[in-house]
């Protein structure tokens, strides 16, 4: 797979402290700047201004629509440009951009390659760790496949899966929705260990309302 056929989709919300360095690293790896797609999801800080000046592609949401909505916009734009695959990663610098090379060297022929934060889960703040384990268990049951880390945002996605998968959700449950639908459509999924940094970044997950959204998505998936 040629690097010019691969894009990067980064949902960004109030990421002014980290987004510039992430983009600089991605460009340094030989990924075309115009194929780096940053979705500024209604940030209240300088995220949009910073990204706008870096020569990458920017989608701007005037108000916050959610991580899932940002991902969908990024996927749609990447497909319209005839890209074959996209990486997704978070904008808070918890993912090591340099580990993209490990995804490239992974020999498994799969449609969806997902990072596993298994060795880093103890460093994850405990409320997020509890949510992650619960979500991963439910997604595994609904997918009829063991999913060790359903919420990891570091992924390599074959865009052709969206020929058959239509995402309906708009918030943090979208990544789980994608996994469930990919499994049910018999797409090949594999996993790769990654390093994760947990600093003092603010999590924008709302435990109560996002749990309700996840449960709603999970229940609906039983009939789809």
N, C-alpha and C. Protein backbone atom coordinates (compact mmCIF):
# COMPACT_ATOMS: atom_id res chain seq x y z
N UNK A 1 0.84 -1.19 0.00
CA UNK A 1 0.00 0.00 0.00
C UNK A 1 0.88 1.25 0.00
N UNK A 2 0.70 2.11 -0.97
CA UNK A 2 1.48 3.33 -1.07
C UNK A 2 0.99 4.37 -0.06
N UNK A 3 1.93 5.12 0.51
CA UNK A 3 1.56 6.11 1.52
C UNK A 3 0.63 7.16 0.95
N UNK A 4 0.73 7.43 -0.35
CA UNK A 4 -0.15 8.45 -0.93
C UNK A 4 -1.60 8.00 -1.00
N UNK A 5 -1.84 6.69 -0.80
CA UNK A 5 -3.20 6.15 -0.78
C UNK A 5 -3.78 6.09 0.63
N UNK A 6 -3.02 6.56 1.62
CA UNK A 6 -3.41 6.45 3.02
C UNK A 6 -3.59 7.84 3.62
N UNK A 7 -4.67 7.99 4.35
CA UNK A 7 -4.94 9.25 5.03
C UNK A 7 -4.93 9.09 6.53
N UNK A 8 -5.12 10.19 7.22
CA UNK A 8 -5.22 10.20 8.68
C UNK A 8 -6.43 11.05 9.05
N UNK A 9 -7.27 10.54 9.93
CA UNK A 9 -8.45 11.26 10.39
C UNK A 9 -8.28 11.53 11.89
N UNK A 10 -8.29 12.81 12.25
CA UNK A 10 -8.07 13.20 13.65
C UNK A 10 -9.22 14.07 14.13
N UNK A 11 -10.12 13.54 14.95
CA UNK A 11 -11.13 14.39 15.59
C UNK A 11 -10.45 15.24 16.67
N UNK A 12 -10.68 16.54 16.64
CA UNK A 12 -9.98 17.42 17.58
C UNK A 12 -10.95 18.35 18.28
N UNK A 13 -10.85 18.39 19.60
CA UNK A 13 -11.67 19.31 20.39
C UNK A 13 -10.80 19.92 21.47
N UNK A 14 -10.58 21.22 21.40
CA UNK A 14 -9.74 21.94 22.35
C UNK A 14 -8.35 21.28 22.48
N UNK A 15 -7.69 21.12 21.33
CA UNK A 15 -6.42 20.41 21.28
C UNK A 15 -5.26 21.34 20.91
N UNK A 16 -5.35 22.60 21.28
CA UNK A 16 -4.34 23.57 20.86
C UNK A 16 -2.94 23.22 21.39
N UNK A 17 -2.86 22.53 22.52
CA UNK A 17 -1.56 22.24 23.13
C UNK A 17 -0.83 21.09 22.45
N UNK A 18 -1.52 20.27 21.69
CA UNK A 18 -0.93 19.03 21.19
C UNK A 18 -1.00 18.85 19.68
N UNK A 19 -1.96 19.47 19.02
CA UNK A 19 -2.25 19.13 17.63
C UNK A 19 -1.10 19.48 16.68
N UNK A 20 -0.39 20.56 16.93
CA UNK A 20 0.70 20.96 16.03
C UNK A 20 1.80 19.92 15.99
N UNK A 21 2.21 19.41 17.14
CA UNK A 21 3.27 18.41 17.19
C UNK A 21 2.83 17.11 16.53
N UNK A 22 1.57 16.74 16.70
CA UNK A 22 1.07 15.51 16.07
C UNK A 22 1.16 15.61 14.56
N UNK A 23 0.71 16.72 14.02
CA UNK A 23 0.73 16.92 12.57
C UNK A 23 2.17 16.96 12.06
N UNK A 24 3.05 17.60 12.79
CA UNK A 24 4.45 17.67 12.39
C UNK A 24 5.05 16.26 12.31
N UNK A 25 4.75 15.41 13.28
CA UNK A 25 5.25 14.04 13.27
C UNK A 25 4.68 13.24 12.09
N UNK A 26 3.39 13.41 11.84
CA UNK A 26 2.76 12.69 10.74
C UNK A 26 3.38 13.08 9.40
N UNK A 27 3.57 14.37 9.20
CA UNK A 27 4.18 14.84 7.95
C UNK A 27 5.61 14.33 7.83
N UNK A 28 6.31 14.23 8.95
CA UNK A 28 7.68 13.73 8.94
C UNK A 28 7.79 12.27 8.59
N UNK A 29 6.68 11.55 8.67
CA UNK A 29 6.68 10.13 8.31
C UNK A 29 6.38 9.91 6.83
N UNK A 30 6.23 10.98 6.09
CA UNK A 30 6.01 10.85 4.66
C UNK A 30 4.56 10.82 4.24
N UNK A 31 3.64 11.05 5.17
CA UNK A 31 2.22 11.10 4.83
C UNK A 31 1.91 12.48 4.22
N UNK A 32 1.17 12.49 3.13
CA UNK A 32 0.87 13.74 2.44
C UNK A 32 0.03 14.64 3.34
N UNK A 33 0.41 15.90 3.43
CA UNK A 33 -0.30 16.81 4.32
C UNK A 33 -1.78 16.94 3.97
N UNK A 34 -2.09 16.98 2.67
CA UNK A 34 -3.49 17.13 2.29
C UNK A 34 -4.34 15.92 2.64
N UNK A 35 -3.68 14.78 2.91
CA UNK A 35 -4.40 13.57 3.32
C UNK A 35 -4.50 13.44 4.84
N UNK A 36 -3.95 14.42 5.55
CA UNK A 36 -4.14 14.49 7.00
C UNK A 36 -5.37 15.35 7.23
N UNK A 37 -6.44 14.73 7.70
CA UNK A 37 -7.73 15.40 7.83
C UNK A 37 -8.02 15.64 9.31
N UNK A 38 -8.05 16.88 9.71
CA UNK A 38 -8.35 17.24 11.10
C UNK A 38 -9.75 17.82 11.14
N UNK A 39 -10.57 17.29 12.02
CA UNK A 39 -11.93 17.81 12.19
C UNK A 39 -11.98 18.59 13.49
N UNK A 40 -12.03 19.89 13.37
CA UNK A 40 -12.16 20.74 14.56
C UNK A 40 -13.62 20.74 14.97
N UNK A 41 -13.90 20.08 16.10
CA UNK A 41 -15.28 19.85 16.50
C UNK A 41 -15.78 20.92 17.46
N UNK A 42 -15.86 22.15 16.94
CA UNK A 42 -16.40 23.24 17.75
C UNK A 42 -15.51 23.64 18.91
N UNK A 43 -14.20 23.61 18.72
CA UNK A 43 -13.28 23.95 19.81
C UNK A 43 -13.47 25.39 20.27
N UNK A 44 -13.27 25.58 21.58
CA UNK A 44 -13.37 26.92 22.16
C UNK A 44 -12.00 27.58 22.29
N UNK A 45 -10.94 26.86 21.91
CA UNK A 45 -9.59 27.41 21.99
C UNK A 45 -9.07 27.73 20.59
N UNK A 46 -7.77 27.68 20.40
CA UNK A 46 -7.15 28.07 19.13
C UNK A 46 -6.88 26.88 18.19
N UNK A 47 -7.53 25.75 18.44
CA UNK A 47 -7.27 24.56 17.61
C UNK A 47 -7.46 24.84 16.13
N UNK A 48 -8.58 25.45 15.76
CA UNK A 48 -8.86 25.69 14.34
C UNK A 48 -7.82 26.61 13.72
N UNK A 49 -7.47 27.68 14.40
CA UNK A 49 -6.49 28.63 13.85
C UNK A 49 -5.14 27.97 13.65
N UNK A 50 -4.73 27.15 14.62
CA UNK A 50 -3.43 26.47 14.52
C UNK A 50 -3.42 25.50 13.34
N UNK A 51 -4.44 24.67 13.26
CA UNK A 51 -4.47 23.65 12.21
C UNK A 51 -4.58 24.30 10.84
N UNK A 52 -5.33 25.37 10.75
CA UNK A 52 -5.54 26.06 9.48
C UNK A 52 -4.23 26.52 8.87
N UNK A 53 -3.25 26.81 9.71
CA UNK A 53 -1.98 27.30 9.22
C UNK A 53 -0.93 26.24 8.95
N UNK A 54 -1.31 24.97 9.03
CA UNK A 54 -0.32 23.89 8.91
C UNK A 54 -0.34 23.17 7.56
N UNK A 55 -1.22 23.58 6.67
CA UNK A 55 -1.23 22.99 5.34
C UNK A 55 -1.93 21.66 5.22
N UNK A 56 -2.65 21.26 6.27
CA UNK A 56 -3.41 20.02 6.20
C UNK A 56 -4.87 20.33 5.86
N UNK A 57 -5.66 19.30 5.69
CA UNK A 57 -7.08 19.50 5.40
C UNK A 57 -7.85 19.67 6.71
N UNK A 58 -8.69 20.69 6.77
CA UNK A 58 -9.44 20.98 7.99
C UNK A 58 -10.93 20.99 7.69
N UNK A 59 -11.68 20.27 8.51
CA UNK A 59 -13.15 20.37 8.52
C UNK A 59 -13.52 21.09 9.81
N UNK A 60 -14.32 22.12 9.71
CA UNK A 60 -14.66 22.91 10.90
C UNK A 60 -16.14 22.75 11.24
N UNK A 61 -16.40 22.30 12.46
CA UNK A 61 -17.76 22.27 13.00
C UNK A 61 -17.96 23.52 13.84
N UNK A 62 -18.89 24.39 13.49
CA UNK A 62 -19.11 25.60 14.29
C UNK A 62 -19.50 25.30 15.73
N UNK A 63 -20.12 24.16 15.96
CA UNK A 63 -20.43 23.74 17.32
C UNK A 63 -20.05 22.27 17.48
N UNK A 64 -19.92 21.84 18.72
CA UNK A 64 -19.49 20.48 19.01
C UNK A 64 -20.58 19.47 18.63
N UNK A 65 -20.25 18.57 17.72
CA UNK A 65 -21.19 17.55 17.24
C UNK A 65 -20.88 16.16 17.77
N UNK A 66 -19.66 15.97 18.28
CA UNK A 66 -19.30 14.68 18.84
C UNK A 66 -18.20 13.99 18.05
N UNK A 67 -17.48 13.10 18.73
CA UNK A 67 -16.37 12.40 18.10
C UNK A 67 -16.84 11.55 16.92
N UNK A 68 -17.97 10.89 17.07
CA UNK A 68 -18.48 10.05 15.99
C UNK A 68 -18.82 10.85 14.75
N UNK A 69 -19.44 12.00 14.94
CA UNK A 69 -19.76 12.86 13.80
C UNK A 69 -18.49 13.33 13.10
N UNK A 70 -17.46 13.63 13.88
CA UNK A 70 -16.18 14.05 13.31
C UNK A 70 -15.54 12.92 12.51
N UNK A 71 -15.55 11.71 13.07
CA UNK A 71 -15.00 10.57 12.35
C UNK A 71 -15.73 10.34 11.04
N UNK A 72 -17.05 10.39 11.07
CA UNK A 72 -17.82 10.15 9.85
C UNK A 72 -17.51 11.19 8.78
N UNK A 73 -17.38 12.45 9.17
CA UNK A 73 -17.02 13.48 8.21
C UNK A 73 -15.64 13.21 7.61
N UNK A 74 -14.72 12.78 8.45
CA UNK A 74 -13.38 12.46 7.97
C UNK A 74 -13.37 11.28 7.02
N UNK A 75 -14.11 10.23 7.38
CA UNK A 75 -14.19 9.05 6.50
C UNK A 75 -14.80 9.41 5.15
N UNK A 76 -15.86 10.18 5.18
CA UNK A 76 -16.54 10.56 3.94
C UNK A 76 -15.61 11.36 3.02
N UNK A 77 -14.86 12.29 3.61
CA UNK A 77 -13.95 13.09 2.79
C UNK A 77 -12.83 12.22 2.23
N UNK A 78 -12.29 11.33 3.06
CA UNK A 78 -11.22 10.43 2.59
C UNK A 78 -11.71 9.55 1.43
N UNK A 79 -12.92 9.06 1.53
CA UNK A 79 -13.47 8.24 0.45
C UNK A 79 -13.69 9.06 -0.82
N UNK A 80 -14.12 10.29 -0.67
CA UNK A 80 -14.34 11.14 -1.84
C UNK A 80 -13.03 11.43 -2.57
N UNK A 81 -11.91 11.30 -1.87
CA UNK A 81 -10.60 11.51 -2.48
C UNK A 81 -9.97 10.21 -2.95
N UNK A 82 -10.74 9.13 -2.90
CA UNK A 82 -10.29 7.81 -3.38
C UNK A 82 -9.12 7.26 -2.58
N UNK A 83 -8.99 7.66 -1.30
CA UNK A 83 -7.99 7.03 -0.44
C UNK A 83 -8.42 5.61 -0.13
N UNK A 84 -7.45 4.75 0.12
CA UNK A 84 -7.74 3.34 0.36
C UNK A 84 -7.94 3.03 1.84
N UNK A 85 -7.10 3.61 2.67
CA UNK A 85 -7.16 3.36 4.10
C UNK A 85 -6.92 4.67 4.85
N UNK A 86 -7.36 4.69 6.10
CA UNK A 86 -7.05 5.82 6.96
C UNK A 86 -6.64 5.34 8.35
N UNK A 87 -5.70 6.05 8.92
CA UNK A 87 -5.44 5.92 10.35
C UNK A 87 -6.38 6.85 11.09
N UNK A 88 -6.81 6.45 12.25
CA UNK A 88 -7.46 7.38 13.17
C UNK A 88 -6.61 7.43 14.44
N UNK A 89 -6.49 8.60 15.00
CA UNK A 89 -5.83 8.74 16.29
C UNK A 89 -6.39 9.95 17.00
N UNK A 90 -6.24 9.97 18.31
CA UNK A 90 -6.78 11.05 19.12
C UNK A 90 -5.86 12.26 19.07
N UNK A 91 -6.43 13.42 19.35
CA UNK A 91 -5.71 14.68 19.22
C UNK A 91 -5.03 15.11 20.51
N UNK A 92 -5.12 14.31 21.57
CA UNK A 92 -4.57 14.72 22.86
C UNK A 92 -3.16 14.19 23.12
N UNK A 93 -2.55 13.59 22.08
CA UNK A 93 -1.17 13.09 22.15
C UNK A 93 -1.01 11.88 23.04
N UNK A 94 -2.10 11.17 23.32
CA UNK A 94 -1.94 9.95 24.11
C UNK A 94 -1.36 8.82 23.25
N UNK A 95 -1.49 8.92 21.92
CA UNK A 95 -0.96 7.90 21.02
C UNK A 95 0.43 8.31 20.51
N UNK A 96 1.30 7.32 20.35
CA UNK A 96 2.63 7.56 19.83
C UNK A 96 2.58 7.51 18.30
N UNK A 97 2.69 8.65 17.66
CA UNK A 97 2.59 8.70 16.20
C UNK A 97 3.62 7.79 15.55
N UNK A 98 4.79 7.68 16.14
CA UNK A 98 5.86 6.85 15.56
C UNK A 98 5.45 5.39 15.42
N UNK A 99 4.45 4.94 16.19
CA UNK A 99 4.04 3.54 16.13
C UNK A 99 3.20 3.23 14.89
N UNK A 100 2.91 4.24 14.08
CA UNK A 100 2.25 3.98 12.80
C UNK A 100 3.06 2.97 11.99
N UNK A 101 4.39 3.03 12.10
CA UNK A 101 5.23 2.11 11.34
C UNK A 101 4.95 0.66 11.73
N UNK A 102 4.53 0.41 12.97
CA UNK A 102 4.19 -0.95 13.39
C UNK A 102 2.91 -1.43 12.71
N UNK A 103 1.96 -0.51 12.50
CA UNK A 103 0.75 -0.85 11.77
C UNK A 103 1.11 -1.23 10.33
N UNK A 104 2.01 -0.45 9.71
CA UNK A 104 2.42 -0.72 8.33
C UNK A 104 3.08 -2.09 8.21
N UNK A 105 3.86 -2.48 9.22
CA UNK A 105 4.61 -3.74 9.13
C UNK A 105 3.80 -4.94 9.59
N UNK A 106 2.61 -4.71 10.12
CA UNK A 106 1.77 -5.82 10.58
C UNK A 106 1.37 -6.69 9.40
N UNK A 107 1.61 -7.98 9.47
CA UNK A 107 1.46 -8.85 8.31
C UNK A 107 0.06 -9.41 8.12
N UNK A 108 -0.79 -9.25 9.11
CA UNK A 108 -2.15 -9.79 8.99
C UNK A 108 -2.94 -9.02 7.94
N UNK A 109 -3.60 -9.75 7.05
CA UNK A 109 -4.46 -9.13 6.05
C UNK A 109 -5.82 -8.89 6.69
N UNK A 110 -6.04 -7.67 7.11
CA UNK A 110 -7.29 -7.37 7.81
C UNK A 110 -7.86 -6.06 7.30
N UNK A 111 -9.14 -5.87 7.59
CA UNK A 111 -9.82 -4.65 7.18
C UNK A 111 -9.80 -3.58 8.26
N UNK A 112 -9.55 -4.01 9.49
CA UNK A 112 -9.57 -3.10 10.63
C UNK A 112 -8.52 -3.56 11.63
N UNK A 113 -7.50 -2.74 11.80
CA UNK A 113 -6.41 -3.05 12.73
C UNK A 113 -6.48 -2.06 13.88
N UNK A 114 -6.64 -2.59 15.09
CA UNK A 114 -6.94 -1.76 16.25
C UNK A 114 -5.82 -1.86 17.29
N UNK A 115 -5.44 -0.74 17.85
CA UNK A 115 -4.45 -0.74 18.91
C UNK A 115 -5.01 -1.33 20.20
N UNK A 116 -4.16 -2.00 20.93
CA UNK A 116 -4.53 -2.54 22.24
C UNK A 116 -3.66 -1.85 23.29
N UNK A 117 -4.33 -1.23 24.26
CA UNK A 117 -3.60 -0.55 25.33
C UNK A 117 -3.42 -1.47 26.54
N UNK A 118 -3.37 -2.77 26.30
CA UNK A 118 -3.39 -3.75 27.38
C UNK A 118 -2.34 -3.49 28.44
N UNK A 119 -1.12 -3.20 28.04
CA UNK A 119 -0.04 -3.00 29.00
C UNK A 119 -0.08 -1.63 29.66
N UNK A 120 -1.01 -0.78 29.20
CA UNK A 120 -1.08 0.57 29.73
C UNK A 120 -2.36 0.82 30.52
N UNK A 121 -3.23 -0.18 30.62
CA UNK A 121 -4.52 0.06 31.25
C UNK A 121 -4.41 0.43 32.72
N UNK A 122 -3.36 -0.08 33.39
CA UNK A 122 -3.22 0.26 34.80
C UNK A 122 -2.92 1.74 35.00
N UNK A 123 -2.32 2.36 33.96
CA UNK A 123 -2.02 3.78 34.05
C UNK A 123 -3.23 4.65 33.70
N UNK A 124 -4.25 4.05 33.12
CA UNK A 124 -5.45 4.78 32.75
C UNK A 124 -6.21 5.18 34.01
N UNK A 125 -6.74 6.39 34.08
CA UNK A 125 -7.56 6.77 35.24
C UNK A 125 -8.66 5.74 35.47
N UNK A 126 -8.89 5.37 36.74
CA UNK A 126 -9.73 4.21 37.01
C UNK A 126 -11.16 4.33 36.47
N UNK A 127 -11.80 5.51 36.46
CA UNK A 127 -13.15 5.54 35.88
C UNK A 127 -13.15 5.17 34.40
N UNK A 128 -12.12 5.64 33.66
CA UNK A 128 -12.02 5.30 32.25
C UNK A 128 -11.70 3.83 32.07
N UNK A 129 -10.88 3.27 32.98
CA UNK A 129 -10.54 1.85 32.89
C UNK A 129 -11.77 0.99 33.10
N UNK A 130 -12.62 1.37 34.06
CA UNK A 130 -13.85 0.61 34.32
C UNK A 130 -14.78 0.68 33.12
N UNK A 131 -14.95 1.88 32.56
CA UNK A 131 -15.81 2.04 31.40
C UNK A 131 -15.27 1.24 30.23
N UNK A 132 -13.95 1.30 30.01
CA UNK A 132 -13.34 0.59 28.89
C UNK A 132 -13.57 -0.92 28.98
N UNK A 133 -13.39 -1.47 30.17
CA UNK A 133 -13.57 -2.92 30.33
C UNK A 133 -15.02 -3.32 30.13
N UNK A 134 -15.93 -2.50 30.64
CA UNK A 134 -17.36 -2.81 30.49
C UNK A 134 -17.77 -2.73 29.02
N UNK A 135 -17.37 -1.65 28.37
CA UNK A 135 -17.71 -1.48 26.95
C UNK A 135 -17.11 -2.61 26.11
N UNK A 136 -15.86 -2.97 26.38
CA UNK A 136 -15.20 -4.03 25.61
C UNK A 136 -15.93 -5.37 25.79
N UNK A 137 -16.40 -5.64 27.00
CA UNK A 137 -17.14 -6.87 27.24
C UNK A 137 -18.45 -6.89 26.46
N UNK A 138 -19.20 -5.80 26.53
CA UNK A 138 -20.49 -5.74 25.83
C UNK A 138 -20.28 -5.83 24.32
N UNK A 139 -19.30 -5.10 23.80
CA UNK A 139 -19.02 -5.14 22.36
C UNK A 139 -18.61 -6.54 21.93
N UNK A 140 -17.82 -7.21 22.75
CA UNK A 140 -17.42 -8.59 22.44
C UNK A 140 -18.63 -9.51 22.35
N UNK A 141 -19.56 -9.36 23.27
CA UNK A 141 -20.76 -10.20 23.26
C UNK A 141 -21.63 -9.92 22.04
N UNK A 142 -21.76 -8.63 21.69
CA UNK A 142 -22.59 -8.26 20.55
C UNK A 142 -21.93 -8.60 19.22
N UNK A 143 -20.61 -8.69 19.22
CA UNK A 143 -19.86 -8.96 18.00
C UNK A 143 -19.61 -10.45 17.79
N UNK A 144 -19.79 -11.23 18.85
CA UNK A 144 -19.45 -12.66 18.83
C UNK A 144 -17.97 -12.84 18.50
N UNK A 145 -17.16 -11.91 19.01
CA UNK A 145 -15.71 -11.96 18.83
C UNK A 145 -15.07 -11.23 20.00
N UNK A 146 -13.97 -11.77 20.52
CA UNK A 146 -13.31 -11.12 21.64
C UNK A 146 -12.67 -9.81 21.17
N UNK A 147 -13.09 -8.72 21.76
CA UNK A 147 -12.56 -7.39 21.46
C UNK A 147 -11.87 -6.89 22.72
N UNK A 148 -10.55 -6.92 22.79
CA UNK A 148 -9.87 -6.58 24.04
C UNK A 148 -9.91 -5.10 24.40
N UNK A 149 -10.05 -4.22 23.42
CA UNK A 149 -10.01 -2.78 23.72
C UNK A 149 -10.90 -2.06 22.70
N UNK A 150 -12.19 -2.01 23.00
CA UNK A 150 -13.18 -1.50 22.04
C UNK A 150 -13.10 0.01 21.87
N UNK A 151 -12.50 0.72 22.81
CA UNK A 151 -12.53 2.18 22.77
C UNK A 151 -11.22 2.81 22.30
N UNK A 152 -10.25 2.01 21.94
CA UNK A 152 -8.99 2.59 21.49
C UNK A 152 -9.21 3.32 20.16
N UNK A 153 -8.77 4.58 20.11
CA UNK A 153 -8.97 5.38 18.92
C UNK A 153 -7.86 5.28 17.89
N UNK A 154 -6.81 4.51 18.20
CA UNK A 154 -5.68 4.35 17.27
C UNK A 154 -5.98 3.13 16.40
N UNK A 155 -6.33 3.40 15.13
CA UNK A 155 -6.79 2.32 14.25
C UNK A 155 -6.30 2.56 12.82
N UNK A 156 -6.22 1.47 12.07
CA UNK A 156 -6.01 1.55 10.62
C UNK A 156 -7.22 0.89 9.97
N UNK A 157 -7.95 1.65 9.17
CA UNK A 157 -9.25 1.23 8.66
C UNK A 157 -9.23 1.17 7.14
N UNK A 158 -9.64 0.04 6.60
CA UNK A 158 -9.83 -0.12 5.16
C UNK A 158 -11.16 0.56 4.81
N UNK A 159 -11.10 1.60 4.01
CA UNK A 159 -12.30 2.39 3.75
C UNK A 159 -13.38 1.65 2.96
N UNK A 160 -13.03 0.54 2.37
CA UNK A 160 -14.06 -0.19 1.62
C UNK A 160 -15.11 -0.81 2.53
N UNK A 161 -14.82 -0.88 3.83
CA UNK A 161 -15.83 -1.44 4.74
C UNK A 161 -17.08 -0.56 4.77
N UNK A 162 -16.92 0.72 4.40
CA UNK A 162 -18.08 1.62 4.43
C UNK A 162 -18.98 1.46 3.20
N UNK A 163 -18.61 0.54 2.32
CA UNK A 163 -19.53 0.17 1.25
C UNK A 163 -20.74 -0.57 1.82
N UNK A 164 -20.51 -1.24 2.98
CA UNK A 164 -21.57 -2.05 3.58
C UNK A 164 -21.95 -1.59 4.98
N UNK A 165 -21.13 -0.74 5.57
CA UNK A 165 -21.41 -0.28 6.93
C UNK A 165 -21.85 1.17 6.91
N UNK A 166 -22.98 1.45 7.52
CA UNK A 166 -23.47 2.81 7.68
C UNK A 166 -23.52 3.13 9.17
N UNK A 167 -22.76 4.13 9.57
CA UNK A 167 -22.72 4.50 10.98
C UNK A 167 -23.86 5.45 11.31
N UNK A 168 -24.54 5.20 12.41
CA UNK A 168 -25.73 5.97 12.78
C UNK A 168 -25.50 6.91 13.95
N UNK A 169 -24.50 6.63 14.77
CA UNK A 169 -24.30 7.40 15.99
C UNK A 169 -23.32 8.54 15.75
N UNK A 170 -23.22 9.46 16.73
CA UNK A 170 -22.41 10.66 16.56
C UNK A 170 -21.44 10.95 17.69
N UNK A 171 -21.47 10.19 18.74
CA UNK A 171 -20.64 10.53 19.89
C UNK A 171 -19.59 9.43 20.14
N UNK A 172 -19.25 9.20 21.40
CA UNK A 172 -18.17 8.26 21.70
C UNK A 172 -18.55 6.81 21.42
N UNK A 173 -19.83 6.50 21.26
CA UNK A 173 -20.24 5.13 20.98
C UNK A 173 -19.98 4.73 19.53
N UNK A 174 -19.62 5.67 18.68
CA UNK A 174 -19.45 5.37 17.26
C UNK A 174 -18.34 4.36 17.02
N UNK A 175 -17.25 4.45 17.77
CA UNK A 175 -16.16 3.50 17.59
C UNK A 175 -16.60 2.08 17.93
N UNK A 176 -17.47 1.93 18.91
CA UNK A 176 -18.01 0.61 19.24
C UNK A 176 -18.99 0.15 18.17
N UNK A 177 -19.81 1.07 17.68
CA UNK A 177 -20.75 0.73 16.61
C UNK A 177 -20.01 0.19 15.39
N UNK A 178 -18.90 0.83 15.05
CA UNK A 178 -18.10 0.39 13.90
C UNK A 178 -17.59 -1.03 14.11
N UNK A 179 -17.12 -1.34 15.30
CA UNK A 179 -16.61 -2.68 15.59
C UNK A 179 -17.71 -3.73 15.46
N UNK A 180 -18.85 -3.47 16.06
CA UNK A 180 -19.96 -4.43 16.02
C UNK A 180 -20.38 -4.69 14.58
N UNK A 181 -20.53 -3.65 13.80
CA UNK A 181 -20.99 -3.81 12.42
C UNK A 181 -19.93 -4.45 11.54
N UNK A 182 -18.65 -4.17 11.80
CA UNK A 182 -17.58 -4.80 11.03
C UNK A 182 -17.56 -6.30 11.29
N UNK A 183 -17.73 -6.70 12.53
CA UNK A 183 -17.77 -8.13 12.86
C UNK A 183 -18.97 -8.81 12.21
N UNK A 184 -20.12 -8.19 12.28
CA UNK A 184 -21.33 -8.80 11.74
C UNK A 184 -21.29 -8.88 10.21
N UNK A 185 -20.51 -8.00 9.58
CA UNK A 185 -20.36 -8.06 8.13
C UNK A 185 -19.17 -8.90 7.71
N UNK A 186 -18.58 -9.62 8.66
CA UNK A 186 -17.52 -10.59 8.40
C UNK A 186 -16.23 -9.95 7.89
N UNK A 187 -16.00 -8.69 8.26
CA UNK A 187 -14.73 -8.09 7.93
C UNK A 187 -13.65 -8.60 8.88
N UNK A 188 -12.44 -8.64 8.39
CA UNK A 188 -11.34 -9.19 9.19
C UNK A 188 -10.80 -8.11 10.13
N UNK A 189 -10.73 -8.46 11.41
CA UNK A 189 -10.27 -7.52 12.44
C UNK A 189 -9.07 -8.14 13.16
N UNK A 190 -8.06 -7.33 13.40
CA UNK A 190 -6.91 -7.80 14.15
C UNK A 190 -6.47 -6.69 15.10
N UNK A 191 -5.52 -7.02 15.97
CA UNK A 191 -5.13 -6.12 17.04
C UNK A 191 -3.61 -6.03 17.12
N UNK A 192 -3.13 -4.88 17.58
CA UNK A 192 -1.69 -4.65 17.68
C UNK A 192 -1.41 -3.87 18.97
N UNK A 193 -0.42 -4.29 19.75
CA UNK A 193 -0.11 -3.56 20.99
C UNK A 193 0.39 -2.15 20.68
N UNK A 194 -0.03 -1.20 21.49
CA UNK A 194 0.44 0.18 21.34
C UNK A 194 0.83 0.73 22.71
N UNK A 195 1.60 1.80 22.67
CA UNK A 195 1.98 2.54 23.87
C UNK A 195 1.03 3.73 24.02
N UNK A 196 0.61 3.98 25.23
CA UNK A 196 -0.30 5.10 25.48
C UNK A 196 0.23 5.95 26.62
N UNK A 197 0.13 7.26 26.44
CA UNK A 197 0.56 8.20 27.48
C UNK A 197 -0.66 8.82 28.12
N UNK A 198 -0.74 8.75 29.44
CA UNK A 198 -1.82 9.42 30.16
C UNK A 198 -1.21 10.54 30.98
N UNK A 199 -1.43 11.73 30.51
CA UNK A 199 -0.91 12.90 31.21
C UNK A 199 -2.03 13.57 31.99
N UNK A 200 -2.07 14.86 31.97
CA UNK A 200 -3.12 15.58 32.70
C UNK A 200 -4.20 16.09 31.76
N UNK A 201 -4.27 15.48 30.54
CA UNK A 201 -5.25 15.97 29.58
C UNK A 201 -6.66 15.74 30.10
N UNK A 202 -7.54 16.64 29.76
CA UNK A 202 -8.92 16.55 30.20
C UNK A 202 -9.69 15.58 29.32
N UNK A 203 -10.44 14.70 29.94
CA UNK A 203 -11.31 13.80 29.18
C UNK A 203 -12.66 14.48 28.98
N UNK A 204 -13.16 14.42 27.75
CA UNK A 204 -14.45 15.04 27.45
C UNK A 204 -15.58 14.02 27.44
N UNK A 205 -15.27 12.82 27.89
CA UNK A 205 -16.32 11.81 28.04
C UNK A 205 -17.20 12.21 29.22
N UNK A 206 -18.51 12.15 29.01
CA UNK A 206 -19.48 12.42 30.08
C UNK A 206 -20.02 11.07 30.53
N UNK A 207 -19.54 10.57 31.68
CA UNK A 207 -19.83 9.19 32.06
C UNK A 207 -21.30 8.80 32.02
N UNK A 208 -22.19 9.63 32.55
CA UNK A 208 -23.60 9.25 32.61
C UNK A 208 -24.24 9.27 31.23
N UNK A 209 -24.18 10.42 30.56
CA UNK A 209 -24.88 10.53 29.28
C UNK A 209 -24.24 9.67 28.21
N UNK A 210 -22.91 9.52 28.23
CA UNK A 210 -22.26 8.69 27.22
C UNK A 210 -22.52 7.20 27.48
N UNK A 211 -22.69 6.83 28.75
CA UNK A 211 -23.08 5.44 29.05
C UNK A 211 -24.49 5.17 28.54
N UNK A 212 -25.39 6.12 28.73
CA UNK A 212 -26.75 5.98 28.23
C UNK A 212 -26.75 5.86 26.70
N UNK A 213 -25.94 6.68 26.05
CA UNK A 213 -25.84 6.61 24.59
C UNK A 213 -25.31 5.26 24.14
N UNK A 214 -24.31 4.74 24.85
CA UNK A 214 -23.75 3.44 24.49
C UNK A 214 -24.79 2.34 24.67
N UNK A 215 -25.52 2.38 25.79
CA UNK A 215 -26.54 1.36 26.03
C UNK A 215 -27.61 1.41 24.95
N UNK A 216 -28.02 2.62 24.57
CA UNK A 216 -29.01 2.78 23.51
C UNK A 216 -28.51 2.18 22.19
N UNK A 217 -27.24 2.45 21.85
CA UNK A 217 -26.67 1.88 20.64
C UNK A 217 -26.60 0.37 20.72
N UNK A 218 -26.21 -0.16 21.89
CA UNK A 218 -26.09 -1.61 22.06
C UNK A 218 -27.44 -2.30 21.94
N UNK A 219 -28.46 -1.72 22.57
CA UNK A 219 -29.80 -2.33 22.50
C UNK A 219 -30.31 -2.30 21.07
N UNK A 220 -30.14 -1.18 20.39
CA UNK A 220 -30.60 -1.08 19.01
C UNK A 220 -29.89 -2.08 18.10
N UNK A 221 -28.62 -2.37 18.40
CA UNK A 221 -27.86 -3.28 17.56
C UNK A 221 -28.38 -4.72 17.64
N UNK A 222 -29.14 -5.02 18.68
CA UNK A 222 -29.70 -6.37 18.80
C UNK A 222 -30.71 -6.67 17.71
N UNK A 223 -31.30 -5.61 17.14
CA UNK A 223 -32.33 -5.80 16.12
C UNK A 223 -31.85 -5.36 14.74
N UNK A 224 -30.55 -5.18 14.59
CA UNK A 224 -30.02 -4.73 13.29
C UNK A 224 -28.96 -5.68 12.80
